[in-house]
Protein backbone atom coordinates (compact mmCIF):
# COMPACT_ATOMS: atom_id res chain seq x y z
CA UNK A 1 8.24 11.31 45.80
CA UNK A 2 9.32 14.72 46.85
CA UNK A 3 10.00 14.66 50.55
CA UNK A 4 9.77 12.60 53.73
CA UNK A 5 6.16 13.64 54.30
CA UNK A 6 5.15 12.21 50.90
CA UNK A 7 6.95 8.95 51.65
CA UNK A 8 5.31 8.77 55.08
CA UNK A 9 1.82 9.22 53.65
CA UNK A 10 2.39 6.59 50.95
CA UNK A 11 3.87 4.17 53.49
CA UNK A 12 0.85 4.63 55.77
CA UNK A 13 -1.60 4.08 52.91
CA UNK A 14 0.24 0.94 51.79
CA UNK A 15 0.34 -0.41 55.34
CA UNK A 16 -3.38 0.22 55.88
CA UNK A 17 -4.35 -1.33 52.54
CA UNK A 18 -2.22 -4.42 53.17
CA UNK A 19 -3.70 -4.84 56.67
CA UNK A 20 -7.12 -4.81 55.00
CA UNK A 21 -6.00 -7.49 52.53
CA UNK A 22 -6.09 -5.16 49.53
CA UNK A 23 -3.81 -5.04 46.52
CA UNK A 24 -2.48 -1.55 45.88
CA UNK A 25 -2.31 0.02 42.41
CA UNK A 26 -0.33 3.26 42.01
CA UNK A 27 -1.64 5.23 39.05
CA UNK A 28 0.11 8.05 37.24
CA UNK A 29 3.63 6.82 37.91
CA UNK A 30 5.82 8.98 35.66
CA UNK A 31 9.55 8.89 36.43
CA UNK A 32 11.09 5.45 36.71
CA UNK A 33 12.69 6.50 40.01
CA UNK A 34 9.18 6.89 41.42
CA UNK A 35 8.36 3.35 40.28
CA UNK A 36 11.46 2.05 42.08
CA UNK A 37 10.50 3.81 45.32
CA UNK A 38 6.90 2.60 45.19
CA UNK A 39 7.97 -0.97 44.49
CA UNK A 40 10.46 -0.78 47.34
CA UNK A 41 7.72 0.37 49.70
CA UNK A 42 5.58 -2.65 48.76
CA UNK A 43 3.22 -1.32 46.10
CA UNK A 44 2.22 -4.36 44.05
CA UNK A 45 0.99 -2.78 40.80
CA UNK A 46 2.11 0.36 38.98
CA UNK A 47 0.52 2.21 36.06
CA UNK A 48 1.86 5.19 34.18
CA UNK A 49 3.42 6.52 31.00
CA UNK A 50 6.94 5.72 32.22
CA UNK A 51 6.00 2.04 32.36
CA UNK A 52 3.95 1.71 29.19
CA UNK A 53 1.98 3.88 26.83
CA UNK A 54 -1.80 3.50 26.60
CA UNK A 55 -2.96 0.91 24.06
CA UNK A 56 -5.94 1.15 21.77
CA UNK A 57 -8.96 -0.88 22.84
CA UNK A 58 -8.86 -3.46 20.04
CA UNK A 59 -5.19 -4.49 20.35
CA UNK A 60 -5.48 -4.60 24.14
CA UNK A 61 -8.52 -6.93 24.11
CA UNK A 62 -6.66 -10.21 23.49
CA UNK A 63 -4.00 -9.25 26.05
CA UNK A 64 -6.62 -8.60 28.70
CA UNK A 65 -8.39 -11.87 27.96
CA UNK A 66 -5.17 -13.88 28.25
CA UNK A 67 -4.37 -12.42 31.68
CA UNK A 68 -7.92 -12.89 33.02
CA UNK A 69 -7.64 -16.67 33.07
């Protein structure tokens, strides 16, 4: 997150989503520092190359099924 304006926009979006009862997913999280900031602001789920590389469809299938229960 580059500057205070970025942080303010993200904070407002998170606040609005939480007031609506939504779970927030941040996509495209690249540096781990960005993940730390987003988590600190209350973002529940993060997705990006810094957190885990994309998996092929077949190996990911059993993992997805085990978490869907």
